PDB file of N, CA and C in Angstrom:
ATOM      1  N   MET A   1     -64.353   3.508-115.956  1.00  0.00           N
ATOM      2  CA  MET A   1     -63.213   2.750-116.454  1.00  0.00           C
ATOM      3  C   MET A   1     -62.881   1.594-115.507  1.00  0.00           C
ATOM      4  N   LYS A   2     -62.861   1.901-114.184  1.00  0.00           N
ATOM      5  CA  LYS A   2     -62.534   0.854-113.220  1.00  0.00           C
ATOM      6  C   LYS A   2     -63.555  -0.276-113.291  1.00  0.00           C
ATOM      7  N   ASN A   3     -64.825   0.074-113.397  1.00  0.00           N
ATOM      8  CA  ASN A   3     -65.859  -0.959-113.452  1.00  0.00           C
ATOM      9  C   ASN A   3     -65.704  -1.838-114.682  1.00  0.00           C
ATOM     10  N   LEU A   4     -65.309  -1.244-115.808  1.00  0.00           N
ATOM     11  CA  LEU A   4     -65.117  -2.011-117.029  1.00  0.00           C
ATOM     12  C   LEU A   4     -63.970  -3.003-116.859  1.00  0.00           C
ATOM     13  N   LEU A   5     -62.857  -2.536-116.284  1.00  0.00           N
ATOM     14  CA  LEU A   5     -61.729  -3.429-116.033  1.00  0.00           C
ATOM     15  C   LEU A   5     -62.106  -4.525-115.042  1.00  0.00           C
ATOM     16  N   GLU A   6     -62.812  -4.135-114.001  1.00  0.00           N
ATOM     17  CA  GLU A   6     -63.228  -5.101-112.987  1.00  0.00           C
ATOM     18  C   GLU A   6     -64.162  -6.150-113.573  1.00  0.00           C
ATOM     19  N   GLN A   7     -65.092  -5.732-114.404  1.00  0.00           N
ATOM     20  CA  GLN A   7     -66.021  -6.673-115.027  1.00  0.00           C
ATOM     21  C   GLN A   7     -65.290  -7.656-115.935  1.00  0.00           C
ATOM     22  N   ASN A   8     -64.366  -7.145-116.731  1.00  0.00           N
ATOM     23  CA  ASN A   8     -63.615  -8.023-117.631  1.00  0.00           C
ATOM     24  C   ASN A   8     -62.692  -8.956-116.861  1.00  0.00           C
ATOM     25  N   TRP A   9     -62.102  -8.473-115.765  1.00  0.00           N
ATOM     26  CA  TRP A   9     -61.233  -9.316-114.947  1.00  0.00           C
ATOM     27  C   TRP A   9     -62.031 -10.475-114.359  1.00  0.00           C
ATOM     28  N   LYS A  10     -63.260 -10.201-113.936  1.00  0.00           N
ATOM     29  CA  LYS A  10     -64.104 -11.247-113.339  1.00  0.00           C
ATOM     30  C   LYS A  10     -64.535 -12.284-114.380  1.00  0.00           C
ATOM     31  N   LYS A  11     -64.549 -11.907-115.662  1.00  0.00           N
ATOM     32  CA  LYS A  11     -64.946 -12.840-116.719  1.00  0.00           C
ATOM     33  C   LYS A  11     -63.855 -13.872-117.021  1.00  0.00           C
ATOM     34  N   ILE A  12     -62.620 -13.547-116.682  1.00  0.00           N
ATOM     35  CA  ILE A  12     -61.509 -14.472-116.929  1.00  0.00           C
ATOM     36  C   ILE A  12     -61.647 -15.630-115.946  1.00  0.00           C
ATOM     37  N   PRO A  13     -61.486 -16.862-116.406  1.00  0.00           N
ATOM     38  CA  PRO A  13     -61.587 -18.003-115.478  1.00  0.00           C
ATOM     39  C   PRO A  13     -60.603 -17.859-114.313  1.00  0.00           C
ATOM     40  N   GLN A  14     -61.031 -18.290-113.138  1.00  0.00           N
ATOM     41  CA  GLN A  14     -60.234 -18.116-111.934  1.00  0.00           C
ATOM     42  C   GLN A  14     -58.864 -18.778-112.043  1.00  0.00           C
ATOM     43  N   SER A  15     -58.795 -19.936-112.665  1.00  0.00           N
ATOM     44  CA  SER A  15     -57.500 -20.617-112.789  1.00  0.00           C
ATOM     45  C   SER A  15     -56.523 -19.788-113.622  1.00  0.00           C
ATOM     46  N   VAL A  16     -56.998 -19.137-114.666  1.00  0.00           N
ATOM     47  CA  VAL A  16     -56.145 -18.282-115.503  1.00  0.00           C
ATOM     48  C   VAL A  16     -55.735 -17.040-114.727  1.00  0.00           C
ATOM     49  N   ARG A  17     -56.679 -16.455-113.993  1.00  0.00           N
ATOM     50  CA  ARG A  17     -56.362 -15.274-113.169  1.00  0.00           C
ATOM     51  C   ARG A  17     -55.280 -15.598-112.150  1.00  0.00           C
ATOM     52  N   LYS A  18     -55.416 -16.751-111.487  1.00  0.00           N
ATOM     53  CA  LYS A  18     -54.442 -17.130-110.460  1.00  0.00           C
ATOM     54  C   LYS A  18     -53.052 -17.308-111.057  1.00  0.00           C
ATOM     55  N   ILE A  19     -52.958 -17.923-112.217  1.00  0.00           N
ATOM     56  CA  ILE A  19     -51.664 -18.106-112.873  1.00  0.00           C
ATOM     57  C   ILE A  19     -51.062 -16.749-113.223  1.00  0.00           C
ATOM     58  N   PHE A  20     -51.868 -15.863-113.805  1.00  0.00           N
ATOM     59  CA  PHE A  20     -51.381 -14.537-114.179  1.00  0.00           C
ATOM     60  C   PHE A  20     -50.904 -13.768-112.950  1.00  0.00           C
ATOM     61  N   VAL A  21     -51.696 -13.762-111.894  1.00  0.00           N
ATOM     62  CA  VAL A  21     -51.340 -13.045-110.670  1.00  0.00           C
ATOM     63  C   VAL A  21     -50.097 -13.665-110.042  1.00  0.00           C
ATOM     64  N   PHE A  22     -50.003 -14.997-110.039  1.00  0.00           N
ATOM     65  CA  PHE A  22     -48.840 -15.682-109.484  1.00  0.00           C
ATOM     66  C   PHE A  22     -47.560 -15.266-110.208  1.00  0.00           C
ATOM     67  N   VAL A  23     -47.589 -15.303-111.532  1.00  0.00           N
ATOM     68  CA  VAL A  23     -46.402 -14.960-112.321  1.00  0.00           C
ATOM     69  C   VAL A  23     -46.056 -13.486-112.155  1.00  0.00           C
ATOM     70  N   ALA A  24     -47.040 -12.606-112.294  1.00  0.00           N
ATOM     71  CA  ALA A  24     -46.780 -11.163-112.186  1.00  0.00           C
ATOM     72  C   ALA A  24     -46.293 -10.796-110.785  1.00  0.00           C
ATOM     73  N   GLY A  25     -46.908 -11.361-109.766  1.00  0.00           N
ATOM     74  CA  GLY A  25     -46.525 -11.059-108.386  1.00  0.00           C
ATOM     75  C   GLY A  25     -45.115 -11.510-108.071  1.00  0.00           C
ATOM     76  N   TRP A  26     -44.788 -12.759-108.419  1.00  0.00           N
ATOM     77  CA  TRP A  26     -43.449 -13.264-108.092  1.00  0.00           C
ATOM     78  C   TRP A  26     -42.361 -12.619-108.937  1.00  0.00           C
ATOM     79  N   LEU A  27     -42.669 -12.270-110.194  1.00  0.00           N
ATOM     80  CA  LEU A  27     -41.680 -11.538-110.992  1.00  0.00           C
ATOM     81  C   LEU A  27     -41.369 -10.187-110.347  1.00  0.00           C
ATOM     82  N   THR A  28     -42.392  -9.541-109.826  1.00  0.00           N
ATOM     83  CA  THR A  28     -42.196  -8.254-109.163  1.00  0.00           C
ATOM     84  C   THR A  28     -41.386  -8.419-107.878  1.00  0.00           C
ATOM     85  N   VAL A  29     -41.682  -9.463-107.106  1.00  0.00           N
ATOM     86  CA  VAL A  29     -40.925  -9.709-105.876  1.00  0.00           C
ATOM     87  C   VAL A  29     -39.462 -10.013-106.203  1.00  0.00           C
ATOM     88  N   VAL A  30     -39.213 -10.864-107.184  1.00  0.00           N
ATOM     89  CA  VAL A  30     -37.843 -11.217-107.565  1.00  0.00           C
ATOM     90  C   VAL A  30     -37.100  -9.984-108.083  1.00  0.00           C
ATOM     91  N   ALA A  31     -37.768  -9.165-108.881  1.00  0.00           N
ATOM     92  CA  ALA A  31     -37.142  -7.930-109.353  1.00  0.00           C
ATOM     93  C   ALA A  31     -36.809  -7.024-108.173  1.00  0.00           C
ATOM     94  N   GLY A  32     -37.682  -6.972-107.192  1.00  0.00           N
ATOM     95  CA  GLY A  32     -37.432  -6.168-106.000  1.00  0.00           C
ATOM     96  C   GLY A  32     -36.230  -6.665-105.221  1.00  0.00           C
ATOM     97  N   VAL A  33     -36.105  -7.978-105.083  1.00  0.00           N
ATOM     98  CA  VAL A  33     -34.954  -8.541-104.386  1.00  0.00           C
ATOM     99  C   VAL A  33     -33.675  -8.198-105.145  1.00  0.00           C
ATOM    100  N   ALA A  34     -33.724  -8.280-106.463  1.00  0.00           N
ATOM    101  CA  ALA A  34     -32.552  -7.906-107.269  1.00  0.00           C
ATOM    102  C   ALA A  34     -32.219  -6.429-107.074  1.00  0.00           C
ATOM    103  N   MET A  35     -33.249  -5.603-106.958  1.00  0.00           N
ATOM    104  CA  MET A  35     -33.023  -4.169-106.794  1.00  0.00           C
ATOM    105  C   MET A  35     -32.485  -3.805-105.408  1.00  0.00           C
ATOM    106  N   LEU A  36     -32.480  -4.733-104.485  1.00  0.00           N
ATOM    107  CA  LEU A  36     -31.839  -4.447-103.204  1.00  0.00           C
ATOM    108  C   LEU A  36     -30.329  -4.286-103.392  1.00  0.00           C
ATOM    109  N   ALA A  37     -29.758  -5.002-104.371  1.00  0.00           N
ATOM    110  CA  ALA A  37     -28.332  -4.892-104.662  1.00  0.00           C
ATOM    111  C   ALA A  37     -28.072  -3.972-105.853  1.00  0.00           C
ATOM    112  N   LEU A  38     -29.035  -3.849-106.725  1.00  0.00           N
ATOM    113  CA  LEU A  38     -28.913  -3.012-107.917  1.00  0.00           C
ATOM    114  C   LEU A  38     -29.666  -1.707-107.693  1.00  0.00           C
ATOM    115  N   PRO A  39     -29.437  -0.729-108.552  1.00  0.00           N
ATOM    116  CA  PRO A  39     -30.201   0.518-108.415  1.00  0.00           C
ATOM    117  C   PRO A  39     -31.698   0.278-108.656  1.00  0.00           C
ATOM    118  N   GLY A  40     -32.498   0.883-107.826  1.00  0.00           N
ATOM    119  CA  GLY A  40     -33.939   0.761-107.991  1.00  0.00           C
ATOM    120  C   GLY A  40     -34.641   0.669-106.651  1.00  0.00           C
ATOM    121  N   PRO A  41     -35.947   0.824-106.678  1.00  0.00           N
ATOM    122  CA  PRO A  41     -36.747   0.788-105.440  1.00  0.00           C
ATOM    123  C   PRO A  41     -37.052  -0.645-105.006  1.00  0.00           C
ATOM    124  N   GLY A  42     -36.071  -1.327-104.459  1.00  0.00           N
ATOM    125  CA  GLY A  42     -36.211  -2.737-104.122  1.00  0.00           C
ATOM    126  C   GLY A  42     -37.343  -3.056-103.175  1.00  0.00           C
ATOM    127  N   TRP A  43     -37.369  -2.387-102.014  1.00  0.00           N
ATOM    128  CA  TRP A  43     -38.420  -2.693-101.035  1.00  0.00           C
ATOM    129  C   TRP A  43     -39.802  -2.351-101.568  1.00  0.00           C
ATOM    130  N   ALA A  44     -39.909  -1.263-102.293  1.00  0.00           N
ATOM    131  CA  ALA A  44     -41.217  -0.891-102.863  1.00  0.00           C
ATOM    132  C   ALA A  44     -41.698  -1.964-103.830  1.00  0.00           C
ATOM    133  N   ALA A  45     -40.789  -2.495-104.638  1.00  0.00           N
ATOM    134  CA  ALA A  45     -41.167  -3.548-105.585  1.00  0.00           C
ATOM    135  C   ALA A  45     -41.575  -4.829-104.854  1.00  0.00           C
ATOM    136  N   ILE A  46     -40.866  -5.159-103.783  1.00  0.00           N
ATOM    137  CA  ILE A  46     -41.228  -6.351-103.005  1.00  0.00           C
ATOM    138  C   ILE A  46     -42.620  -6.188-102.407  1.00  0.00           C
ATOM    139  N   PHE A  47     -42.892  -5.032-101.819  1.00  0.00           N
ATOM    140  CA  PHE A  47     -44.223  -4.780-101.254  1.00  0.00           C
ATOM    141  C   PHE A  47     -45.294  -4.825-102.339  1.00  0.00           C
ATOM    142  N   LEU A  48     -44.998  -4.232-103.495  1.00  0.00           N
ATOM    143  CA  LEU A  48     -45.950  -4.251-104.605  1.00  0.00           C
ATOM    144  C   LEU A  48     -46.211  -5.678-105.068  1.00  0.00           C
ATOM    145  N   GLY A  49     -45.160  -6.488-105.138  1.00  0.00           N
ATOM    146  CA  GLY A  49     -45.330  -7.882-105.545  1.00  0.00           C
ATOM    147  C   GLY A  49     -46.253  -8.649-104.612  1.00  0.00           C
ATOM    148  N   PHE A  50     -46.072  -8.446-103.303  1.00  0.00           N
ATOM    149  CA  PHE A  50     -46.965  -9.116-102.363  1.00  0.00           C
ATOM    150  C   PHE A  50     -48.384  -8.548-102.420  1.00  0.00           C
ATOM    151  N   ALA A  51     -48.516  -7.272-102.728  1.00  0.00           N
ATOM    152  CA  ALA A  51     -49.856  -6.705-102.895  1.00  0.00           C
ATOM    153  C   ALA A  51     -50.543  -7.327-104.105  1.00  0.00           C
ATOM    154  N   ILE A  52     -49.795  -7.547-105.175  1.00  0.00           N
ATOM    155  CA  ILE A  52     -50.358  -8.207-106.362  1.00  0.00           C
ATOM    156  C   ILE A  52     -50.775  -9.629-106.009  1.00  0.00           C
ATOM    157  N   LEU A  53     -49.893 -10.355-105.343  1.00  0.00           N
ATOM    158  CA  LEU A  53     -50.208 -11.734-104.961  1.00  0.00           C
ATOM    159  C   LEU A  53     -51.405 -11.806-104.013  1.00  0.00           C
ATOM    160  N   ALA A  54     -51.547 -10.804-103.163  1.00  0.00           N
ATOM    161  CA  ALA A  54     -52.630 -10.803-102.178  1.00  0.00           C
ATOM    162  C   ALA A  54     -54.005 -10.670-102.810  1.00  0.00           C
ATOM    163  N   THR A  55     -54.069 -10.251-104.064  1.00  0.00           N
ATOM    164  CA  THR A  55     -55.382 -10.135-104.712  1.00  0.00           C
ATOM    165  C   THR A  55     -56.022 -11.493-104.954  1.00  0.00           C
ATOM    166  N   GLU A  56     -55.209 -12.555-105.034  1.00  0.00           N
ATOM    167  CA  GLU A  56     -55.749 -13.882-105.316  1.00  0.00           C
ATOM    168  C   GLU A  56     -55.364 -14.955-104.300  1.00  0.00           C
ATOM    169  N   PHE A  57     -54.359 -14.692-103.456  1.00  0.00           N
ATOM    170  CA  PHE A  57     -53.850 -15.728-102.559  1.00  0.00           C
ATOM    171  C   PHE A  57     -53.926 -15.266-101.108  1.00  0.00           C
ATOM    172  N   THR A  58     -54.565 -16.070-100.272  1.00  0.00           N
ATOM    173  CA  THR A  58     -54.752 -15.740 -98.863  1.00  0.00           C
ATOM    174  C   THR A  58     -53.424 -15.666 -98.123  1.00  0.00           C
ATOM    175  N   SER A  59     -52.509 -16.577 -98.398  1.00  0.00           N
ATOM    176  CA  SER A  59     -51.229 -16.568 -97.694  1.00  0.00           C
ATOM    177  C   SER A  59     -50.442 -15.296 -97.998  1.00  0.00           C
ATOM    178  N   ALA A  60     -50.500 -14.829 -99.237  1.00  0.00           N
ATOM    179  CA  ALA A  60     -49.826 -13.574 -99.587  1.00  0.00           C
ATOM    180  C   ALA A  60     -50.510 -12.393 -98.906  1.00  0.00           C
ATOM    181  N   ARG A  61     -51.809 -12.473 -98.740  1.00  0.00           N
ATOM    182  CA  ARG A  61     -52.539 -11.420 -98.039  1.00  0.00           C
ATOM    183  C   ARG A  61     -52.066 -11.339 -96.590  1.00  0.00           C
ATOM    184  N   GLN A  62     -51.818 -12.489 -95.978  1.00  0.00           N
ATOM    185  CA  GLN A  62     -51.321 -12.515 -94.601  1.00  0.00           C
ATOM    186  C   GLN A  62     -49.908 -11.934 -94.516  1.00  0.00           C
ATOM    187  N   VAL A  63     -49.065 -12.242 -95.487  1.00  0.00           N
ATOM    188  CA  VAL A  63     -47.706 -11.674 -95.518  1.00  0.00           C
ATOM    189  C   VAL A  63     -47.782 -10.161 -95.702  1.00  0.00           C
ATOM    190  N   LYS A  64     -48.670  -9.722 -96.579  1.00  0.00           N
ATOM    191  CA  LYS A  64     -48.838  -8.279 -96.805  1.00  0.00           C
ATOM    192  C   LYS A  64     -49.269  -7.587 -95.515  1.00  0.00           C
ATOM    193  N   GLU A  65     -50.203  -8.190 -94.798  1.00  0.00           N
ATOM    194  CA  GLU A  65     -50.655  -7.605 -93.538  1.00  0.00           C
ATOM    195  C   GLU A  65     -49.514  -7.561 -92.512  1.00  0.00           C
ATOM    196  N   LEU A  66     -48.686  -8.600 -92.484  1.00  0.00           N
ATOM    197  CA  LEU A  66     -47.529  -8.618 -91.594  1.00  0.00           C
ATOM    198  C   LEU A  66     -46.564  -7.490 -91.946  1.00  0.00           C
ATOM    199  N   PHE A  67     -46.300  -7.292 -93.244  1.00  0.00           N
ATOM    200  CA  PHE A  67     -45.451  -6.182 -93.690  1.00  0.00           C
ATOM    201  C   PHE A  67     -46.020  -4.842 -93.225  1.00  0.00           C
ATOM    202  N   ILE A  68     -47.316  -4.678 -93.370  1.00  0.00           N
ATOM    203  CA  ILE A  68     -47.950  -3.414 -92.984  1.00  0.00           C
ATOM    204  C   ILE A  68     -47.812  -3.187 -91.478  1.00  0.00           C
ATOM    205  N   GLN A  69     -48.045  -4.223 -90.680  1.00  0.00           N
ATOM    206  CA  GLN A  69     -47.907  -4.090 -89.226  1.00  0.00           C
ATOM    207  C   GLN A  69     -46.482  -3.730 -88.838  1.00  0.00           C
ATOM    208  N   LYS A  70     -45.497  -4.414 -89.414  1.00  0.00           N
ATOM    209  CA  LYS A  70     -44.095  -4.131 -89.093  1.00  0.00           C
ATOM    210  C   LYS A  70     -43.719  -2.720 -89.530  1.00  0.00           C
ATOM    211  N   PHE A  71     -44.206  -2.295 -90.692  1.00  0.00           N
ATOM    212  CA  PHE A  71     -43.919  -0.948 -91.177  1.00  0.00           C
ATOM    213  C   PHE A  71     -44.510   0.094 -90.232  1.00  0.00           C
ATOM    214  N   GLN A  72     -45.709  -0.149 -89.728  1.00  0.00           N
ATOM    215  CA  GLN A  72     -46.331   0.793 -88.804  1.00  0.00           C
ATOM    216  C   GLN A  72     -45.539   0.877 -87.494  1.00  0.00           C
ATOM    217  N   VAL A  73     -45.013  -0.250 -87.013  1.00  0.00           N
ATOM    218  CA  VAL A  73     -44.191  -0.256 -85.796  1.00  0.00           C
ATOM    219  C   VAL A  73     -42.913   0.547 -86.028  1.00  0.00           C
ATOM    220  N   ILE A  74     -42.266   0.323 -87.162  1.00  0.00           N
ATOM    221  CA  ILE A  74     -41.033   1.060 -87.483  1.00  0.00           C
ATOM    222  C   ILE A  74     -41.320   2.543 -87.628  1.00  0.00           C
ATOM    223  N   LEU A  75     -42.411   2.885 -88.285  1.00  0.00           N
ATOM    224  CA  LEU A  75     -42.782   4.282 -88.468  1.00  0.00           C
ATOM    225  C   LEU A  75     -43.070   4.959 -87.129  1.00  0.00           C
ATOM    226  N   ALA A  76     -43.759   4.269 -86.232  1.00  0.00           N
ATOM    227  CA  ALA A  76     -44.042   4.828 -84.906  1.00  0.00           C
ATOM    228  C   ALA A  76     -42.747   5.038 -84.127  1.00  0.00           C
ATOM    229  N   TRP A  77     -41.812   4.064 -84.200  1.00  0.00           N
ATOM    230  CA  TRP A  77     -40.529   4.213 -83.531  1.00  0.00           C
ATOM    231  C   TRP A  77     -39.770   5.417 -84.091  1.00  0.00           C
ATOM    232  N   TYR A  78     -39.789   5.553 -85.405  1.00  0.00           N
ATOM    233  CA  TYR A  78     -39.108   6.669 -86.061  1.00  0.00           C
ATOM    234  C   TYR A  78     -39.682   8.005 -85.593  1.00  0.00           C
ATOM    235  N   LYS A  79     -40.998   8.092 -85.583  1.00  0.00           N
ATOM    236  CA  LYS A  79     -41.632   9.345 -85.161  1.00  0.00           C
ATOM    237  C   LYS A  79     -41.301   9.667 -83.711  1.00  0.00           C
ATOM    238  N   LYS A  80     -41.199   8.655 -82.876  1.00  0.00           N
ATOM    239  CA  LYS A  80     -40.938   8.861 -81.460  1.00  0.00           C
ATOM    240  C   LYS A  80     -39.473   9.234 -81.191  1.00  0.00           C
ATOM    241  N   HIS A  81     -38.532   8.575 -81.860  1.00  0.00           N
ATOM    242  CA  HIS A  81     -37.116   8.735 -81.532  1.00  0.00           C
ATOM    243  C   HIS A  81     -36.360   9.673 -82.463  1.00  0.00           C
ATOM    244  N   ILE A  82     -36.590   9.602 -83.714  1.00  0.00           N
ATOM    245  CA  ILE A  82     -35.787  10.339 -84.689  1.00  0.00           C
ATOM    246  C   ILE A  82     -36.322  11.746 -84.913  1.00  0.00           C
ATOM    247  N   LYS A  83     -37.606  11.907 -84.958  1.00  0.00           N
ATOM    248  CA  LYS A  83     -38.192  13.201 -85.247  1.00  0.00           C
ATOM    249  C   LYS A  83     -37.961  14.207 -84.123  1.00  0.00           C
ATOM    250  N   LYS A  84     -37.634  13.750 -82.924  1.00  0.00           N
ATOM    251  CA  LYS A  84     -37.406  14.659 -81.807  1.00  0.00           C
ATOM    252  C   LYS A  84     -36.164  15.510 -82.022  1.00  0.00           C
ATOM    253  N   ARG A  85     -35.222  15.023 -82.789  1.00  0.00           N
ATOM    254  CA  ARG A  85     -33.936  15.708 -82.984  1.00  0.00           C
ATOM    255  C   ARG A  85     -34.079  16.949 -83.787  1.00  0.00           C
TER     256      ARG A  85
END
């Protein structure tokens, strides 16, 4: 199933793919920002939006990597300080 989806995705012209990924990614990020004030998984949606954007855009891939690094630092701090209690 994955190979079939992957093959069909590759058949779509790159310019169309980029537009689709751009719209879907930013809609997800904007929805995530809205969910920071409204009920819903805001941060998860923001991370998902950047993951979607990272499939086609190098700059979004760099932002995603930055998010991952910062999350790992926070997680390590949490494990060191909070879990001891």
